[in-house]
Amino acid sequence: MSRVFTVKEAAVLLKTTRQQIRKMIQSGELPAVKVGREWRIPAEGLSIFLMT
């Protein structure tokens, strides 16, 4: 099973705010999946984002 990150974890990794991570998800810049009311960012999606 692949690792997934919460919005908070992704914000810490990318050294930004949770609000900025949510904006990036909404714009499609950062791939994510909604689980219930929470967003989850797959590790692969984070890697792809960092390479671009």
PDB file of N, CA and C in Angstrom:
ATOM      1  N   MET A   1       0.840  -1.201   0.000  1.00  0.00           N
ATOM      2  CA  MET A   1       0.000   0.000   0.000  1.00  0.00           C
ATOM      3  C   MET A   1       0.874   1.250   0.000  1.00  0.00           C
ATOM      4  N   SER A   2       0.450   2.225  -0.754  1.00  0.00           N
ATOM      5  CA  SER A   2       1.196   3.461  -0.933  1.00  0.00           C
ATOM      6  C   SER A   2       0.974   4.424   0.236  1.00  0.00           C
ATOM      7  N   ARG A   3       1.964   5.214   0.526  1.00  0.00           N
ATOM      8  CA  ARG A   3       1.883   6.219   1.596  1.00  0.00           C
ATOM      9  C   ARG A   3       1.021   7.385   1.134  1.00  0.00           C
ATOM     10  N   VAL A   4       0.204   7.896   2.039  1.00  0.00           N
ATOM     11  CA  VAL A   4      -0.578   9.101   1.763  1.00  0.00           C
ATOM     12  C   VAL A   4      -0.313  10.108   2.873  1.00  0.00           C
ATOM     13  N   PHE A   5      -0.418  11.373   2.515  1.00  0.00           N
ATOM     14  CA  PHE A   5      -0.159  12.460   3.453  1.00  0.00           C
ATOM     15  C   PHE A   5      -1.432  13.267   3.683  1.00  0.00           C
ATOM     16  N   THR A   6      -1.591  13.777   4.891  1.00  0.00           N
ATOM     17  CA  THR A   6      -2.686  14.703   5.169  1.00  0.00           C
ATOM     18  C   THR A   6      -2.279  16.079   4.660  1.00  0.00           C
ATOM     19  N   VAL A   7      -3.222  16.992   4.641  1.00  0.00           N
ATOM     20  CA  VAL A   7      -2.924  18.369   4.231  1.00  0.00           C
ATOM     21  C   VAL A   7      -1.853  18.953   5.152  1.00  0.00           C
ATOM     22  N   LYS A   8      -1.982  18.690   6.442  1.00  0.00           N
ATOM     23  CA  LYS A   8      -1.019  19.218   7.415  1.00  0.00           C
ATOM     24  C   LYS A   8       0.383  18.653   7.170  1.00  0.00           C
ATOM     25  N   GLU A   9       0.476  17.343   6.928  1.00  0.00           N
ATOM     26  CA  GLU A   9       1.775  16.718   6.674  1.00  0.00           C
ATOM     27  C   GLU A   9       2.405  17.257   5.387  1.00  0.00           C
ATOM     28  N   ALA A  10       1.584  17.421   4.363  1.00  0.00           N
ATOM     29  CA  ALA A  10       2.085  17.955   3.093  1.00  0.00           C
ATOM     30  C   ALA A  10       2.588  19.388   3.280  1.00  0.00           C
ATOM     31  N   ALA A  11       1.878  20.169   4.083  1.00  0.00           N
ATOM     32  CA  ALA A  11       2.291  21.556   4.333  1.00  0.00           C
ATOM     33  C   ALA A  11       3.651  21.596   5.018  1.00  0.00           C
ATOM     34  N   VAL A  12       3.872  20.699   5.966  1.00  0.00           N
ATOM     35  CA  VAL A  12       5.165  20.651   6.654  1.00  0.00           C
ATOM     36  C   VAL A  12       6.266  20.249   5.666  1.00  0.00           C
ATOM     37  N   LEU A  13       5.995  19.225   4.847  1.00  0.00           N
ATOM     38  CA  LEU A  13       6.994  18.758   3.877  1.00  0.00           C
ATOM     39  C   LEU A  13       7.350  19.836   2.858  1.00  0.00           C
ATOM     40  N   LEU A  14       6.352  20.584   2.402  1.00  0.00           N
ATOM     41  CA  LEU A  14       6.576  21.617   1.391  1.00  0.00           C
ATOM     42  C   LEU A  14       6.888  22.978   1.989  1.00  0.00           C
ATOM     43  N   LYS A  15       6.922  23.043   3.315  1.00  0.00           N
ATOM     44  CA  LYS A  15       7.230  24.288   4.033  1.00  0.00           C
ATOM     45  C   LYS A  15       6.300  25.425   3.619  1.00  0.00           C
ATOM     46  N   THR A  16       5.002  25.138   3.678  1.00  0.00           N
ATOM     47  CA  THR A  16       3.991  26.130   3.348  1.00  0.00           C
ATOM     48  C   THR A  16       2.825  25.966   4.318  1.00  0.00           C
ATOM     49  N   THR A  17       1.731  26.659   4.063  1.00  0.00           N
ATOM     50  CA  THR A  17       0.574  26.596   4.957  1.00  0.00           C
ATOM     51  C   THR A  17      -0.437  25.559   4.480  1.00  0.00           C
ATOM     52  N   ARG A  18      -1.297  25.139   5.375  1.00  0.00           N
ATOM     53  CA  ARG A  18      -2.381  24.219   5.020  1.00  0.00           C
ATOM     54  C   ARG A  18      -3.304  24.877   4.003  1.00  0.00           C
ATOM     55  N   GLN A  19      -3.543  26.167   4.146  1.00  0.00           N
ATOM     56  CA  GLN A  19      -4.408  26.880   3.206  1.00  0.00           C
ATOM     57  C   GLN A  19      -3.823  26.850   1.800  1.00  0.00           C
ATOM     58  N   GLN A  20      -2.507  27.015   1.687  1.00  0.00           N
ATOM     59  CA  GLN A  20      -1.867  26.991   0.380  1.00  0.00           C
ATOM     60  C   GLN A  20      -1.969  25.600  -0.240  1.00  0.00           C
ATOM     61  N   ILE A  21      -1.816  24.562   0.565  1.00  0.00           N
ATOM     62  CA  ILE A  21      -1.959  23.185   0.067  1.00  0.00           C
ATOM     63  C   ILE A  21      -3.370  22.981  -0.468  1.00  0.00           C
ATOM     64  N   ARG A  22      -4.372  23.458   0.259  1.00  0.00           N
ATOM     65  CA  ARG A  22      -5.765  23.321  -0.201  1.00  0.00           C
ATOM     66  C   ARG A  22      -5.986  24.068  -1.517  1.00  0.00           C
ATOM     67  N   LYS A  23      -5.395  25.251  -1.666  1.00  0.00           N
ATOM     68  CA  LYS A  23      -5.510  26.009  -2.924  1.00  0.00           C
ATOM     69  C   LYS A  23      -4.873  25.233  -4.074  1.00  0.00           C
ATOM     70  N   MET A  24      -3.738  24.610  -3.809  1.00  0.00           N
ATOM     71  CA  MET A  24      -3.043  23.836  -4.828  1.00  0.00           C
ATOM     72  C   MET A  24      -3.870  22.613  -5.241  1.00  0.00           C
ATOM     73  N   ILE A  25      -4.559  22.009  -4.285  1.00  0.00           N
ATOM     74  CA  ILE A  25      -5.433  20.874  -4.589  1.00  0.00           C
ATOM     75  C   ILE A  25      -6.610  21.343  -5.438  1.00  0.00           C
ATOM     76  N   GLN A  26      -7.243  22.435  -5.047  1.00  0.00           N
ATOM     77  CA  GLN A  26      -8.402  22.949  -5.779  1.00  0.00           C
ATOM     78  C   GLN A  26      -8.049  23.358  -7.205  1.00  0.00           C
ATOM     79  N   SER A  27      -6.845  23.885  -7.403  1.00  0.00           N
ATOM     80  CA  SER A  27      -6.442  24.320  -8.743  1.00  0.00           C
ATOM     81  C   SER A  27      -5.985  23.147  -9.613  1.00  0.00           C
ATOM     82  N   GLY A  28      -5.801  21.978  -9.003  1.00  0.00           N
ATOM     83  CA  GLY A  28      -5.338  20.812  -9.749  1.00  0.00           C
ATOM     84  C   GLY A  28      -3.828  20.715  -9.829  1.00  0.00           C
ATOM     85  N   GLU A  29      -3.159  21.654  -9.197  1.00  0.00           N
ATOM     86  CA  GLU A  29      -1.694  21.682  -9.212  1.00  0.00           C
ATOM     87  C   GLU A  29      -1.106  20.511  -8.409  1.00  0.00           C
ATOM     88  N   LEU A  30      -1.821  20.097  -7.363  1.00  0.00           N
ATOM     89  CA  LEU A  30      -1.377  19.003  -6.500  1.00  0.00           C
ATOM     90  C   LEU A  30      -2.461  17.932  -6.489  1.00  0.00           C
ATOM     91  N   PRO A  31      -2.156  16.723  -6.988  1.00  0.00           N
ATOM     92  CA  PRO A  31      -3.175  15.674  -7.017  1.00  0.00           C
ATOM     93  C   PRO A  31      -3.525  15.209  -5.608  1.00  0.00           C
ATOM     94  N   ALA A  32      -4.818  15.017  -5.360  1.00  0.00           N
ATOM     95  CA  ALA A  32      -5.277  14.581  -4.043  1.00  0.00           C
ATOM     96  C   ALA A  32      -6.615  13.873  -4.176  1.00  0.00           C
ATOM     97  N   VAL A  33      -6.959  13.134  -3.126  1.00  0.00           N
ATOM     98  CA  VAL A  33      -8.215  12.392  -3.079  1.00  0.00           C
ATOM     99  C   VAL A  33      -8.948  12.808  -1.809  1.00  0.00           C
ATOM    100  N   LYS A  34     -10.234  13.031  -1.936  1.00  0.00           N
ATOM    101  CA  LYS A  34     -11.025  13.397  -0.771  1.00  0.00           C
ATOM    102  C   LYS A  34     -11.549  12.132  -0.105  1.00  0.00           C
ATOM    103  N   VAL A  35     -11.254  11.979   1.180  1.00  0.00           N
ATOM    104  CA  VAL A  35     -11.716  10.840   1.972  1.00  0.00           C
ATOM    105  C   VAL A  35     -12.612  11.422   3.065  1.00  0.00           C
ATOM    106  N   GLY A  36     -13.914  11.252   2.882  1.00  0.00           N
ATOM    107  CA  GLY A  36     -14.843  11.908   3.814  1.00  0.00           C
ATOM    108  C   GLY A  36     -14.738  13.409   3.632  1.00  0.00           C
ATOM    109  N   ARG A  37     -14.405  14.094   4.723  1.00  0.00           N
ATOM    110  CA  ARG A  37     -14.245  15.553   4.649  1.00  0.00           C
ATOM    111  C   ARG A  37     -12.790  15.981   4.508  1.00  0.00           C
ATOM    112  N   GLU A  38     -11.882  15.024   4.549  1.00  0.00           N
ATOM    113  CA  GLU A  38     -10.444  15.325   4.545  1.00  0.00           C
ATOM    114  C   GLU A  38      -9.798  14.997   3.206  1.00  0.00           C
ATOM    115  N   TRP A  39      -8.788  15.772   2.842  1.00  0.00           N
ATOM    116  CA  TRP A  39      -8.004  15.507   1.638  1.00  0.00           C
ATOM    117  C   TRP A  39      -6.805  14.644   1.996  1.00  0.00           C
ATOM    118  N   ARG A  40      -6.447  13.736   1.096  1.00  0.00           N
ATOM    119  CA  ARG A  40      -5.247  12.925   1.239  1.00  0.00           C
ATOM    120  C   ARG A  40      -4.431  13.068  -0.039  1.00  0.00           C
ATOM    121  N   ILE A  41      -3.135  13.263   0.140  1.00  0.00           N
ATOM    122  CA  ILE A  41      -2.244  13.455  -0.989  1.00  0.00           C
ATOM    123  C   ILE A  41      -1.358  12.211  -1.094  1.00  0.00           C
ATOM    124  N   PRO A  42      -1.480  11.451  -2.197  1.00  0.00           N
ATOM    125  CA  PRO A  42      -0.619  10.270  -2.359  1.00  0.00           C
ATOM    126  C   PRO A  42       0.844  10.677  -2.497  1.00  0.00           C
ATOM    127  N   ALA A  43       1.735   9.839  -1.996  1.00  0.00           N
ATOM    128  CA  ALA A  43       3.174  10.122  -2.079  1.00  0.00           C
ATOM    129  C   ALA A  43       3.608  10.310  -3.529  1.00  0.00           C
ATOM    130  N   GLU A  44       3.027   9.513  -4.443  1.00  0.00           N
ATOM    131  CA  GLU A  44       3.378   9.642  -5.858  1.00  0.00           C
ATOM    132  C   GLU A  44       3.007  11.030  -6.385  1.00  0.00           C
ATOM    133  N   GLY A  45       1.847  11.526  -5.971  1.00  0.00           N
ATOM    134  CA  GLY A  45       1.407  12.852  -6.405  1.00  0.00           C
ATOM    135  C   GLY A  45       2.335  13.937  -5.900  1.00  0.00           C
ATOM    136  N   LEU A  46       2.791  13.783  -4.673  1.00  0.00           N
ATOM    137  CA  LEU A  46       3.721  14.752  -4.085  1.00  0.00           C
ATOM    138  C   LEU A  46       5.053  14.719  -4.835  1.00  0.00           C
ATOM    139  N   SER A  47       5.519  13.510  -5.173  1.00  0.00           N
ATOM    140  CA  SER A  47       6.774  13.368  -5.928  1.00  0.00           C
ATOM    141  C   SER A  47       6.662  14.026  -7.290  1.00  0.00           C
ATOM    142  N   ILE A  48       5.552  13.786  -7.983  1.00  0.00           N
ATOM    143  CA  ILE A  48       5.340  14.387  -9.296  1.00  0.00           C
ATOM    144  C   ILE A  48       5.336  15.908  -9.188  1.00  0.00           C
ATOM    145  N   PHE A  49       4.649  16.433  -8.186  1.00  0.00           N
ATOM    146  CA  PHE A  49       4.598  17.881  -7.988  1.00  0.00           C
ATOM    147  C   PHE A  49       6.010  18.454  -7.772  1.00  0.00           C
ATOM    148  N   LEU A  50       6.809  17.768  -6.963  1.00  0.00           N
ATOM    149  CA  LEU A  50       8.144  18.259  -6.657  1.00  0.00           C
ATOM    150  C   LEU A  50       9.083  18.213  -7.865  1.00  0.00           C
ATOM    151  N   MET A  51       8.813  17.308  -8.805  1.00  0.00           N
ATOM    152  CA  MET A  51       9.671  17.187  -9.988  1.00  0.00           C
ATOM    153  C   MET A  51       9.340  18.208 -11.062  1.00  0.00           C
ATOM    154  N   THR A  52       8.166  18.842 -10.977  1.00  0.00           N
ATOM    155  CA  THR A  52       7.768  19.795 -12.013  1.00  0.00           C
ATOM    156  C   THR A  52       8.194  21.200 -11.655  1.00  0.00           C
TER     157      THR A  52
END
